[in-house]
């Protein structure tokens, strides 16, 4: 029996389309596949955030009232530090582009410099995000929760936030934190707030210039500030407890759902940045050791660069959703 072998011209290729479809190597194609799948994950998270944001627009926190901290500077500076973080991350993407370009030119010295600058940018961003998380968790002003789960904040006659520590009047009342060993084993308080609701009410009554700002927005998108009489009634009839800072259960800036989204989405992005920094460090030392000079190609720098650009692009969307919209 004779067997006829038909020469299709693809015997030396991985498949009929060649081993470099779209003129991309296998490694870059797999990186693109990963980026696409990860992008869909972030799209799902941001879509969920957007749905919640526009479902509860009247009680959602205003970014300018939440992200006002700047390291080593006391005062109210809305969005300044977040803008700085964004600038640093974008600039690290620029240095990554320069590193990839230097790799195409087989310029080891420039690749080393630009990779180092990219790593510094990534670490600076992570440090800035850690500071932002710390200030968000710790809080600065404090607030009172209501029976309906809303937040009562305090302002002066000019509409500026006033911290509880500036007006609450301490009372000689002994408070005991509930521990699981002293009661229900599954129920435990995270910690006692600095003041009780009675101390806040007493201080509010003693300071005639104080007003209550609710979490509800008016027709112009500004949080509603009540009159003095309405403020006293709101605090006395609806005030339930004191909350300081934000966590997955309580949030002095607004509904806990906002804090849940903030921690999850920014934390998930921060995890990606951490992985990117680790990969960049590995590539950086390989460049120093001359690994890619021996291979005759700096394609690995380009592949990691694709991931780093993706992380930067995702932050642009996170920044837009959380801080600008």
C-alpha atoms as a PDB file:
ATOM      1  CA  UNK A   1       0.000   0.000   0.000  1.00  0.00           C
ATOM      2  CA  UNK A   2       1.460   3.323  -1.086  1.00  0.00           C
ATOM      3  CA  UNK A   3       1.095   6.354   1.183  1.00  0.00           C
ATOM      4  CA  UNK A   4       1.186   9.743  -0.445  1.00  0.00           C
ATOM      5  CA  UNK A   5       2.542  12.567   1.690  1.00  0.00           C
ATOM      6  CA  UNK A   6       1.099  15.927   0.816  1.00  0.00           C
ATOM      7  CA  UNK A   7       3.426  18.841   1.464  1.00  0.00           C
ATOM      8  CA  UNK A   8       1.351  21.720   2.809  1.00  0.00           C
ATOM      9  CA  UNK A   9       4.277  23.945   3.603  1.00  0.00           C
ATOM     10  CA  UNK A  10       3.404  24.073   7.334  1.00  0.00           C
ATOM     11  CA  UNK A  11       5.384  21.077   8.589  1.00  0.00           C
ATOM     12  CA  UNK A  12       8.037  23.285  10.192  1.00  0.00           C
ATOM     13  CA  UNK A  13       5.501  25.527  11.894  1.00  0.00           C
ATOM     14  CA  UNK A  14       3.655  25.180  15.218  1.00  0.00           C
ATOM     15  CA  UNK A  15       0.359  25.376  13.359  1.00  0.00           C
ATOM     16  CA  UNK A  16      -0.842  26.499   9.983  1.00  0.00           C
ATOM     17  CA  UNK A  17      -0.751  30.123  10.983  1.00  0.00           C
ATOM     18  CA  UNK A  18       2.913  29.969  11.940  1.00  0.00           C
ATOM     19  CA  UNK A  19       4.468  30.173  15.385  1.00  0.00           C
ATOM     20  CA  UNK A  20       4.145  33.971  15.539  1.00  0.00           C
ATOM     21  CA  UNK A  21       0.510  34.896  14.836  1.00  0.00           C
ATOM     22  CA  UNK A  22      -0.035  38.643  14.566  1.00  0.00           C
ATOM     23  CA  UNK A  23       3.756  38.879  14.512  1.00  0.00           C
ATOM     24  CA  UNK A  24       3.847  38.241  18.271  1.00  0.00           C
ATOM     25  CA  UNK A  25       5.782  35.560  20.117  1.00  0.00           C
ATOM     26  CA  UNK A  26       4.077  32.913  22.218  1.00  0.00           C
ATOM     27  CA  UNK A  27       5.018  34.724  25.441  1.00  0.00           C
ATOM     28  CA  UNK A  28       3.518  38.043  24.350  1.00  0.00           C
ATOM     29  CA  UNK A  29       0.357  36.338  23.099  1.00  0.00           C
ATOM     30  CA  UNK A  30      -0.141  34.658  26.480  1.00  0.00           C
ATOM     31  CA  UNK A  31       0.438  37.976  28.236  1.00  0.00           C
ATOM     32  CA  UNK A  32      -2.243  39.570  26.061  1.00  0.00           C
ATOM     33  CA  UNK A  33      -4.646  36.723  26.893  1.00  0.00           C
ATOM     34  CA  UNK A  34      -4.005  37.251  30.601  1.00  0.00           C
ATOM     35  CA  UNK A  35      -4.483  41.027  30.307  1.00  0.00           C
ATOM     36  CA  UNK A  36      -7.775  40.516  28.483  1.00  0.00           C
ATOM     37  CA  UNK A  37      -9.130  38.137  31.129  1.00  0.00           C
ATOM     38  CA  UNK A  38      -7.943  40.381  33.970  1.00  0.00           C
ATOM     39  CA  UNK A  39      -9.479  43.416  32.290  1.00  0.00           C
ATOM     40  CA  UNK A  40     -12.844  41.654  32.283  1.00  0.00           C
ATOM     41  CA  UNK A  41     -12.464  41.019  36.015  1.00  0.00           C
ATOM     42  CA  UNK A  42     -11.849  44.694  36.739  1.00  0.00           C
ATOM     43  CA  UNK A  43     -14.741  45.617  34.445  1.00  0.00           C
ATOM     44  CA  UNK A  44     -17.026  43.451  36.574  1.00  0.00           C
ATOM     45  CA  UNK A  45     -15.846  45.078  39.809  1.00  0.00           C
ATOM     46  CA  UNK A  46     -16.183  48.623  38.470  1.00  0.00           C
ATOM     47  CA  UNK A  47     -19.587  47.854  36.961  1.00  0.00           C
ATOM     48  CA  UNK A  48     -20.771  46.623  40.362  1.00  0.00           C
ATOM     49  CA  UNK A  49     -19.418  49.783  41.980  1.00  0.00           C
ATOM     50  CA  UNK A  50     -21.119  51.962  39.380  1.00  0.00           C
ATOM     51  CA  UNK A  51     -24.429  50.167  39.915  1.00  0.00           C
ATOM     52  CA  UNK A  52     -24.282  50.751  43.682  1.00  0.00           C
ATOM     53  CA  UNK A  53     -23.122  54.336  43.246  1.00  0.00           C
ATOM     54  CA  UNK A  54     -26.044  55.299  41.035  1.00  0.00           C
ATOM     55  CA  UNK A  55     -28.535  53.252  43.017  1.00  0.00           C
ATOM     56  CA  UNK A  56     -27.796  55.284  46.163  1.00  0.00           C
ATOM     57  CA  UNK A  57     -26.654  58.665  44.791  1.00  0.00           C
ATOM     58  CA  UNK A  58     -28.193  60.714  47.604  1.00  0.00           C
ATOM     59  CA  UNK A  59     -26.162  59.035  50.372  1.00  0.00           C
ATOM     60  CA  UNK A  60     -22.938  58.216  48.522  1.00  0.00           C
ATOM     61  CA  UNK A  61     -19.864  60.031  49.897  1.00  0.00           C
ATOM     62  CA  UNK A  62     -18.375  62.894  47.899  1.00  0.00           C
ATOM     63  CA  UNK A  63     -14.718  62.214  47.121  1.00  0.00           C
ATOM     64  CA  UNK A  64     -13.690  65.792  47.940  1.00  0.00           C
ATOM     65  CA  UNK A  65     -14.993  65.269  51.484  1.00  0.00           C
ATOM     66  CA  UNK A  66     -13.191  61.953  51.996  1.00  0.00           C
ATOM     67  CA  UNK A  67      -9.755  62.057  50.356  1.00  0.00           C
ATOM     68  CA  UNK A  68      -8.382  65.276  51.802  1.00  0.00           C
ATOM     69  CA  UNK A  69      -5.186  64.150  53.528  1.00  0.00           C
ATOM     70  CA  UNK A  70      -1.631  65.051  52.522  1.00  0.00           C
ATOM     71  CA  UNK A  71       1.370  63.642  54.445  1.00  0.00           C
ATOM     72  CA  UNK A  72       3.085  66.068  56.832  1.00  0.00           C
ATOM     73  CA  UNK A  73       0.581  68.823  55.981  1.00  0.00           C
ATOM     74  CA  UNK A  74      -2.406  69.534  58.194  1.00  0.00           C
ATOM     75  CA  UNK A  75      -5.456  70.871  56.440  1.00  0.00           C
ATOM     76  CA  UNK A  76      -8.124  70.120  53.890  1.00  0.00           C
ATOM     77  CA  UNK A  77      -6.622  69.440  50.456  1.00  0.00           C
ATOM     78  CA  UNK A  78      -9.148  67.464  48.396  1.00  0.00           C
ATOM     79  CA  UNK A  79      -7.731  65.050  45.837  1.00  0.00           C
ATOM     80  CA  UNK A  80      -4.199  66.507  45.926  1.00  0.00           C
ATOM     81  CA  UNK A  81      -2.525  63.366  47.230  1.00  0.00           C
ATOM     82  CA  UNK A  82      -4.562  61.057  44.996  1.00  0.00           C
ATOM     83  CA  UNK A  83      -3.534  63.165  42.002  1.00  0.00           C
ATOM     84  CA  UNK A  84       0.086  62.804  43.094  1.00  0.00           C
ATOM     85  CA  UNK A  85      -0.291  59.011  43.277  1.00  0.00           C
ATOM     86  CA  UNK A  86      -1.784  58.940  39.788  1.00  0.00           C
ATOM     87  CA  UNK A  87       1.009  61.113  38.393  1.00  0.00           C
ATOM     88  CA  UNK A  88       3.673  58.843  39.890  1.00  0.00           C
ATOM     89  CA  UNK A  89       2.116  55.711  38.406  1.00  0.00           C
ATOM     90  CA  UNK A  90       1.735  57.286  34.964  1.00  0.00           C
ATOM     91  CA  UNK A  91       5.346  58.456  35.020  1.00  0.00           C
ATOM     92  CA  UNK A  92       6.443  54.920  35.904  1.00  0.00           C
ATOM     93  CA  UNK A  93       4.672  53.783  32.754  1.00  0.00           C
ATOM     94  CA  UNK A  94       6.699  56.345  30.797  1.00  0.00           C
ATOM     95  CA  UNK A  95       9.980  55.028  32.207  1.00  0.00           C
ATOM     96  CA  UNK A  96       8.846  51.498  31.307  1.00  0.00           C
ATOM     97  CA  UNK A  97       8.310  52.618  27.697  1.00  0.00           C
ATOM     98  CA  UNK A  98      11.830  54.046  27.688  1.00  0.00           C
ATOM     99  CA  UNK A  99      13.183  50.768  29.109  1.00  0.00           C
ATOM    100  CA  UNK A 100      11.485  48.750  26.362  1.00  0.00           C
ATOM    101  CA  UNK A 101      12.803  51.119  23.700  1.00  0.00           C
ATOM    102  CA  UNK A 102      16.323  50.873  25.121  1.00  0.00           C
ATOM    103  CA  UNK A 103      15.956  47.086  25.044  1.00  0.00           C
ATOM    104  CA  UNK A 104      15.150  47.197  21.331  1.00  0.00           C
ATOM    105  CA  UNK A 105      18.413  49.109  20.902  1.00  0.00           C
ATOM    106  CA  UNK A 106      20.254  46.531  23.072  1.00  0.00           C
ATOM    107  CA  UNK A 107      21.361  49.340  25.379  1.00  0.00           C
ATOM    108  CA  UNK A 108      21.896  47.605  28.688  1.00  0.00           C
ATOM    109  CA  UNK A 109      22.837  50.751  30.622  1.00  0.00           C
ATOM    110  CA  UNK A 110      19.643  52.611  29.723  1.00  0.00           C
ATOM    111  CA  UNK A 111      17.451  49.584  30.356  1.00  0.00           C
ATOM    112  CA  UNK A 112      18.973  49.308  33.834  1.00  0.00           C
ATOM    113  CA  UNK A 113      18.329  52.987  34.642  1.00  0.00           C
ATOM    114  CA  UNK A 114      14.765  53.057  33.369  1.00  0.00           C
ATOM    115  CA  UNK A 115      13.830  49.772  35.041  1.00  0.00           C
ATOM    116  CA  UNK A 116      15.183  51.123  38.318  1.00  0.00           C
ATOM    117  CA  UNK A 117      13.094  54.288  37.954  1.00  0.00           C
ATOM    118  CA  UNK A 118      10.018  52.181  37.171  1.00  0.00           C
ATOM    119  CA  UNK A 119      10.552  50.160  40.346  1.00  0.00           C
ATOM    120  CA  UNK A 120      10.937  53.352  42.400  1.00  0.00           C
ATOM    121  CA  UNK A 121       7.703  54.673  40.918  1.00  0.00           C
ATOM    122  CA  UNK A 122       5.850  51.457  41.762  1.00  0.00           C
ATOM    123  CA  UNK A 123       7.140  51.406  45.338  1.00  0.00           C
ATOM    124  CA  UNK A 124       6.228  55.072  45.792  1.00  0.00           C
ATOM    125  CA  UNK A 125       2.707  54.367  44.599  1.00  0.00           C
ATOM    126  CA  UNK A 126       2.346  51.416  46.975  1.00  0.00           C
ATOM    127  CA  UNK A 127       3.640  53.481  49.883  1.00  0.00           C
ATOM    128  CA  UNK A 128       1.207  56.263  49.008  1.00  0.00           C
ATOM    129  CA  UNK A 129      -1.663  53.796  48.841  1.00  0.00           C
ATOM    130  CA  UNK A 130      -0.701  52.402  52.235  1.00  0.00           C
ATOM    131  CA  UNK A 131      -0.829  55.939  53.653  1.00  0.00           C
ATOM    132  CA  UNK A 132      -4.226  56.523  52.039  1.00  0.00           C
ATOM    133  CA  UNK A 133      -5.585  53.292  53.509  1.00  0.00           C
ATOM    134  CA  UNK A 134      -4.222  54.209  56.943  1.00  0.00           C
ATOM    135  CA  UNK A 135      -5.861  57.626  56.987  1.00  0.00           C
ATOM    136  CA  UNK A 136      -9.118  56.196  55.634  1.00  0.00           C
ATOM    137  CA  UNK A 137      -9.214  53.495  58.320  1.00  0.00           C
ATOM    138  CA  UNK A 138      -8.171  55.795  61.130  1.00  0.00           C
ATOM    139  CA  UNK A 139     -10.410  58.701  60.173  1.00  0.00           C
ATOM    140  CA  UNK A 140      -9.993  62.265  61.306  1.00  0.00           C
ATOM    141  CA  UNK A 141     -13.302  63.762  62.360  1.00  0.00           C
ATOM    142  CA  UNK A 142     -15.566  60.984  63.556  1.00  0.00           C
ATOM    143  CA  UNK A 143     -19.333  60.846  63.145  1.00  0.00           C
ATOM    144  CA  UNK A 144     -22.529  59.496  64.672  1.00  0.00           C
ATOM    145  CA  UNK A 145     -24.535  56.637  63.228  1.00  0.00           C
ATOM    146  CA  UNK A 146     -28.326  56.763  63.213  1.00  0.00           C
ATOM    147  CA  UNK A 147     -30.954  54.121  63.816  1.00  0.00           C
ATOM    148  CA  UNK A 148     -31.473  53.922  60.061  1.00  0.00           C
ATOM    149  CA  UNK A 149     -27.797  53.259  59.378  1.00  0.00           C
ATOM    150  CA  UNK A 150     -26.996  56.739  58.049  1.00  0.00           C
ATOM    151  CA  UNK A 151     -24.187  59.043  59.183  1.00  0.00           C
ATOM    152  CA  UNK A 152     -24.375  62.361  61.038  1.00  0.00           C
ATOM    153  CA  UNK A 153     -21.356  64.606  60.565  1.00  0.00           C
ATOM    154  CA  UNK A 154     -20.651  67.908  62.300  1.00  0.00           C
ATOM    155  CA  UNK A 155     -19.738  71.258  60.760  1.00  0.00           C
ATOM    156  CA  UNK A 156     -19.282  74.841  61.898  1.00  0.00           C
ATOM    157  CA  UNK A 157     -21.209  77.869  60.678  1.00  0.00           C
ATOM    158  CA  UNK A 158     -19.031  78.037  57.554  1.00  0.00           C
ATOM    159  CA  UNK A 159     -19.683  74.409  56.633  1.00  0.00           C
ATOM    160  CA  UNK A 160     -16.235  73.117  57.631  1.00  0.00           C
ATOM    161  CA  UNK A 161     -16.018  69.691  59.249  1.00  0.00           C
ATOM    162  CA  UNK A 162     -15.479  69.639  63.005  1.00  0.00           C
ATOM    163  CA  UNK A 163     -13.889  66.669  64.766  1.00  0.00           C
ATOM    164  CA  UNK A 164     -15.571  65.034  67.752  1.00  0.00           C
ATOM    165  CA  UNK A 165     -12.488  65.642  69.858  1.00  0.00           C
ATOM    166  CA  UNK A 166     -12.952  69.393  69.410  1.00  0.00           C
ATOM    167  CA  UNK A 167     -16.334  69.596  71.124  1.00  0.00           C
ATOM    168  CA  UNK A 168     -17.321  66.319  72.835  1.00  0.00           C
ATOM    169  CA  UNK A 169     -17.502  66.645  76.626  1.00  0.00           C
ATOM    170  CA  UNK A 170     -16.113  63.709  78.562  1.00  0.00           C
ATOM    171  CA  UNK A 171     -18.271  62.237  81.298  1.00  0.00           C
ATOM    172  CA  UNK A 172     -17.223  60.068  84.276  1.00  0.00           C
ATOM    173  CA  UNK A 173     -18.871  56.944  82.954  1.00  0.00           C
ATOM    174  CA  UNK A 174     -17.079  53.599  82.999  1.00  0.00           C
ATOM    175  CA  UNK A 175     -17.250  51.764  79.698  1.00  0.00           C
ATOM    176  CA  UNK A 176     -16.432  48.106  79.192  1.00  0.00           C
ATOM    177  CA  UNK A 177     -15.504  46.597  75.861  1.00  0.00           C
ATOM    178  CA  UNK A 178     -17.419  43.420  75.137  1.00  0.00           C
ATOM    179  CA  UNK A 179     -15.059  40.487  74.635  1.00  0.00           C
ATOM    180  CA  UNK A 180     -16.007  37.086  73.330  1.00  0.00           C
ATOM    181  CA  UNK A 181     -14.630  35.393  76.457  1.00  0.00           C
ATOM    182  CA  UNK A 182     -17.045  37.389  78.617  1.00  0.00           C
ATOM    183  CA  UNK A 183     -20.191  36.679  76.634  1.00  0.00           C
ATOM    184  CA  UNK A 184     -21.232  35.228  73.329  1.00  0.00           C
ATOM    185  CA  UNK A 185     -18.152  33.600  71.833  1.00  0.00           C
ATOM    186  CA  UNK A 186     -19.062  34.726  68.320  1.00  0.00           C
ATOM    187  CA  UNK A 187     -19.775  38.356  69.240  1.00  0.00           C
ATOM    188  CA  UNK A 188     -16.944  40.768  69.928  1.00  0.00           C
ATOM    189  CA  UNK A 189     -16.451  44.528  69.748  1.00  0.00           C
ATOM    190  CA  UNK A 190     -13.489  45.715  67.689  1.00  0.00           C
ATOM    191  CA  UNK A 191     -12.814  48.495  70.159  1.00  0.00           C
ATOM    192  CA  UNK A 192     -14.485  51.280  72.035  1.00  0.00           C
ATOM    193  CA  UNK A 193     -14.809  54.671  70.308  1.00  0.00           C
ATOM    194  CA  UNK A 194     -13.184  57.654  71.936  1.00  0.00           C
ATOM    195  CA  UNK A 195     -16.533  59.113  72.995  1.00  0.00           C
ATOM    196  CA  UNK A 196     -20.031  57.940  73.808  1.00  0.00           C
ATOM    197  CA  UNK A 197     -23.133  59.290  72.121  1.00  0.00           C
ATOM    198  CA  UNK A 198     -24.056  61.118  75.340  1.00  0.00           C
ATOM    199  CA  UNK A 199     -20.700  62.908  75.397  1.00  0.00           C
ATOM    200  CA  UNK A 200     -21.169  63.988  71.788  1.00  0.00           C
ATOM    201  CA  UNK A 201     -24.712  65.260  72.462  1.00  0.00           C
ATOM    202  CA  UNK A 202     -23.536  67.177  75.549  1.00  0.00           C
ATOM    203  CA  UNK A 203     -20.724  68.809  73.597  1.00  0.00           C
ATOM    204  CA  UNK A 204     -23.016  69.644  70.695  1.00  0.00           C
ATOM    205  CA  UNK A 205     -25.505  71.349  72.999  1.00  0.00           C
ATOM    206  CA  UNK A 206     -22.715  73.372  74.601  1.00  0.00           C
ATOM    207  CA  UNK A 207     -21.407  74.647  71.245  1.00  0.00           C
ATOM    208  CA  UNK A 208     -24.103  76.805  69.686  1.00  0.00           C
ATOM    209  CA  UNK A 209     -22.254  77.264  66.371  1.00  0.00           C
ATOM    210  CA  UNK A 210     -22.257  73.583  65.492  1.00  0.00           C
ATOM    211  CA  UNK A 211     -24.596  72.103  62.899  1.00  0.00           C
ATOM    212  CA  UNK A 212     -25.333  68.638  61.565  1.00  0.00           C
ATOM    213  CA  UNK A 213     -24.482  67.599  58.011  1.00  0.00           C
ATOM    214  CA  UNK A 214     -26.367  64.530  56.833  1.00  0.00           C
ATOM    215  CA  UNK A 215     -25.305  62.025  54.191  1.00  0.00           C
ATOM    216  CA  UNK A 216     -28.236  63.047  51.980  1.00  0.00           C
ATOM    217  CA  UNK A 217     -27.502  65.260  48.989  1.00  0.00           C
ATOM    218  CA  UNK A 218     -29.585  68.199  47.797  1.00  0.00           C
ATOM    219  CA  UNK A 219     -30.515  68.988  44.185  1.00  0.00           C
ATOM    220  CA  UNK A 220     -27.028  70.438  43.606  1.00  0.00           C
ATOM    221  CA  UNK A 221     -25.249  67.314  44.823  1.00  0.00           C
ATOM    222  CA  UNK A 222     -24.129  68.882  48.114  1.00  0.00           C
ATOM    223  CA  UNK A 223     -24.707  67.197  51.463  1.00  0.00           C
ATOM    224  CA  UNK A 224     -27.604  68.698  53.376  1.00  0.00           C
ATOM    225  CA  UNK A 225     -26.737  70.880  56.380  1.00  0.00           C
ATOM    226  CA  UNK A 226     -29.592  71.201  58.869  1.00  0.00           C
ATOM    227  CA  UNK A 227     -30.567  74.222  60.898  1.00  0.00           C
ATOM    228  CA  UNK A 228     -29.583  74.394  64.554  1.00  0.00           C
ATOM    229  CA  UNK A 229     -33.006  73.250  65.783  1.00  0.00           C
ATOM    230  CA  UNK A 230     -33.224  70.478  63.202  1.00  0.00           C
ATOM    231  CA  UNK A 231     -29.653  69.445  64.015  1.00  0.00           C
ATOM    232  CA  UNK A 232     -30.468  69.005  67.706  1.00  0.00           C
ATOM    233  CA  UNK A 233     -33.560  66.996  66.883  1.00  0.00           C
ATOM    234  CA  UNK A 234     -31.698  64.813  64.386  1.00  0.00           C
ATOM    235  CA  UNK A 235     -28.913  64.079  66.858  1.00  0.00           C
ATOM    236  CA  UNK A 236     -31.138  63.412  69.865  1.00  0.00           C
ATOM    237  CA  UNK A 237     -33.835  61.358  68.152  1.00  0.00           C
ATOM    238  CA  UNK A 238     -31.777  59.401  65.628  1.00  0.00           C
ATOM    239  CA  UNK A 239     -28.257  59.305  67.087  1.00  0.00           C
ATOM    240  CA  UNK A 240     -27.281  55.757  67.948  1.00  0.00           C
ATOM    241  CA  UNK A 241     -23.523  55.426  68.319  1.00  0.00           C
ATOM    242  CA  UNK A 242     -20.130  56.932  67.536  1.00  0.00           C
ATOM    243  CA  UNK A 243     -18.012  55.758  64.616  1.00  0.00           C
ATOM    244  CA  UNK A 244     -14.409  56.749  63.903  1.00  0.00           C
ATOM    245  CA  UNK A 245     -12.715  55.967  60.620  1.00  0.00           C
ATOM    246  CA  UNK A 246     -13.836  53.309  58.166  1.00  0.00           C
ATOM    247  CA  UNK A 247     -13.791  49.533  57.984  1.00  0.00           C
ATOM    248  CA  UNK A 248     -15.931  46.795  56.485  1.00  0.00           C
ATOM    249  CA  UNK A 249     -18.672  47.362  59.088  1.00  0.00           C
ATOM    250  CA  UNK A 250     -18.679  51.093  59.891  1.00  0.00           C
ATOM    251  CA  UNK A 251     -17.762  54.136  57.838  1.00  0.00           C
ATOM    252  CA  UNK A 252     -17.716  57.702  59.135  1.00  0.00           C
ATOM    253  CA  UNK A 253     -17.866  59.061  55.579  1.00  0.00           C
ATOM    254  CA  UNK A 254     -21.056  57.341  54.491  1.00  0.00           C
ATOM    255  CA  UNK A 255     -22.521  53.872  53.904  1.00  0.00           C
ATOM    256  CA  UNK A 256     -20.278  50.874  54.677  1.00  0.00           C
ATOM    257  CA  UNK A 257     -20.808  49.685  51.101  1.00  0.00           C
ATOM    258  CA  UNK A 258     -18.568  52.516  49.897  1.00  0.00           C
ATOM    259  CA  UNK A 259     -15.747  51.371  52.200  1.00  0.00           C
ATOM    260  CA  UNK A 260     -16.218  47.754  51.093  1.00  0.00           C
ATOM    261  CA  UNK A 261     -15.805  48.691  47.443  1.00  0.00           C
ATOM    262  CA  UNK A 262     -12.891  50.980  48.235  1.00  0.00           C
ATOM    263  CA  UNK A 263     -10.917  48.364  50.139  1.00  0.00           C
ATOM    264  CA  UNK A 264     -11.669  45.572  47.680  1.00  0.00           C
ATOM    265  CA  UNK A 265     -11.076  47.336  44.358  1.00  0.00           C
ATOM    266  CA  UNK A 266      -8.116  49.507  45.367  1.00  0.00           C
ATOM    267  CA  UNK A 267      -6.676  46.573  47.308  1.00  0.00           C
ATOM    268  CA  UNK A 268      -7.060  44.284  44.286  1.00  0.00           C
ATOM    269  CA  UNK A 269      -5.321  46.867  42.128  1.00  0.00           C
ATOM    270  CA  UNK A 270      -2.620  47.335  44.758  1.00  0.00           C
ATOM    271  CA  UNK A 271      -2.051  43.579  44.695  1.00  0.00           C
ATOM    272  CA  UNK A 272      -1.489  43.798  40.934  1.00  0.00           C
ATOM    273  CA  UNK A 273       0.964  46.662  41.418  1.00  0.00           C
ATOM    274  CA  UNK A 274       2.837  44.612  44.033  1.00  0.00           C
ATOM    275  CA  UNK A 275       3.155  41.698  41.605  1.00  0.00           C
ATOM    276  CA  UNK A 276       4.314  44.116  38.916  1.00  0.00           C
ATOM    277  CA  UNK A 277       6.978  45.597  41.178  1.00  0.00           C
ATOM    278  CA  UNK A 278       8.205  42.102  42.061  1.00  0.00           C
ATOM    279  CA  UNK A 279       8.416  41.148  38.381  1.00  0.00           C
ATOM    280  CA  UNK A 280      10.228  44.393  37.590  1.00  0.00           C
ATOM    281  CA  UNK A 281      12.773  43.696  40.331  1.00  0.00           C
ATOM    282  CA  UNK A 282      13.438  40.234  38.906  1.00  0.00           C
ATOM    283  CA  UNK A 283      13.845  41.661  35.405  1.00  0.00           C
ATOM    284  CA  UNK A 284      16.061  44.442  36.763  1.00  0.00           C
ATOM    285  CA  UNK A 285      18.546  41.999  38.283  1.00  0.00           C
ATOM    286  CA  UNK A 286      18.488  39.841  35.151  1.00  0.00           C
ATOM    287  CA  UNK A 287      19.393  42.932  33.145  1.00  0.00           C
ATOM    288  CA  UNK A 288      22.284  43.663  35.496  1.00  0.00           C
ATOM    289  CA  UNK A 289      23.504  40.055  35.213  1.00  0.00           C
ATOM    290  CA  UNK A 290      23.423  40.305  31.433  1.00  0.00           C
ATOM    291  CA  UNK A 291      20.854  37.530  30.978  1.00  0.00           C
ATOM    292  CA  UNK A 292      19.114  39.227  28.075  1.00  0.00           C
ATOM    293  CA  UNK A 293      22.386  40.299  26.485  1.00  0.00           C
ATOM    294  CA  UNK A 294      23.275  36.596  26.261  1.00  0.00           C
ATOM    295  CA  UNK A 295      19.883  35.772  24.781  1.00  0.00           C
ATOM    296  CA  UNK A 296      20.272  38.538  22.261  1.00  0.00           C
ATOM    297  CA  UNK A 297      16.811  39.933  23.059  1.00  0.00           C
ATOM    298  CA  UNK A 298      15.123  42.067  25.703  1.00  0.00           C
ATOM    299  CA  UNK A 299      11.668  40.709  24.910  1.00  0.00           C
ATOM    300  CA  UNK A 300      11.111  39.781  28.552  1.00  0.00           C
ATOM    301  CA  UNK A 301      11.276  43.485  29.427  1.00  0.00           C
ATOM    302  CA  UNK A 302       8.614  44.146  26.809  1.00  0.00           C
ATOM    303  CA  UNK A 303       6.338  41.394  28.135  1.00  0.00           C
ATOM    304  CA  UNK A 304       6.540  42.687  31.693  1.00  0.00           C
ATOM    305  CA  UNK A 305       6.041  46.175  30.294  1.00  0.00           C
ATOM    306  CA  UNK A 306       2.698  45.101  28.816  1.00  0.00           C
ATOM    307  CA  UNK A 307       1.550  44.038  32.276  1.00  0.00           C
ATOM    308  CA  UNK A 308       2.786  47.283  33.840  1.00  0.00           C
ATOM    309  CA  UNK A 309       0.961  49.412  31.265  1.00  0.00           C
ATOM    310  CA  UNK A 310      -2.204  47.433  31.957  1.00  0.00           C
ATOM    311  CA  UNK A 311      -1.896  48.106  35.698  1.00  0.00           C
ATOM    312  CA  UNK A 312      -1.478  51.821  34.986  1.00  0.00           C
ATOM    313  CA  UNK A 313      -4.465  51.887  32.643  1.00  0.00           C
ATOM    314  CA  UNK A 314      -6.667  50.126  35.189  1.00  0.00           C
ATOM    315  CA  UNK A 315      -5.762  52.736  37.795  1.00  0.00           C
ATOM    316  CA  UNK A 316      -6.949  55.474  35.414  1.00  0.00           C
ATOM    317  CA  UNK A 317     -10.396  53.846  35.442  1.00  0.00           C
ATOM    318  CA  UNK A 318     -10.320  53.248  39.205  1.00  0.00           C
ATOM    319  CA  UNK A 319      -9.275  56.874  39.726  1.00  0.00           C
ATOM    320  CA  UNK A 320     -12.129  58.047  37.486  1.00  0.00           C
ATOM    321  CA  UNK A 321     -14.791  55.887  39.160  1.00  0.00           C
ATOM    322  CA  UNK A 322     -13.789  56.474  42.786  1.00  0.00           C
ATOM    323  CA  UNK A 323     -12.425  59.977  42.822  1.00  0.00           C
ATOM    324  CA  UNK A 324     -13.750  61.974  39.874  1.00  0.00           C
ATOM    325  CA  UNK A 325     -17.279  60.786  39.098  1.00  0.00           C
END
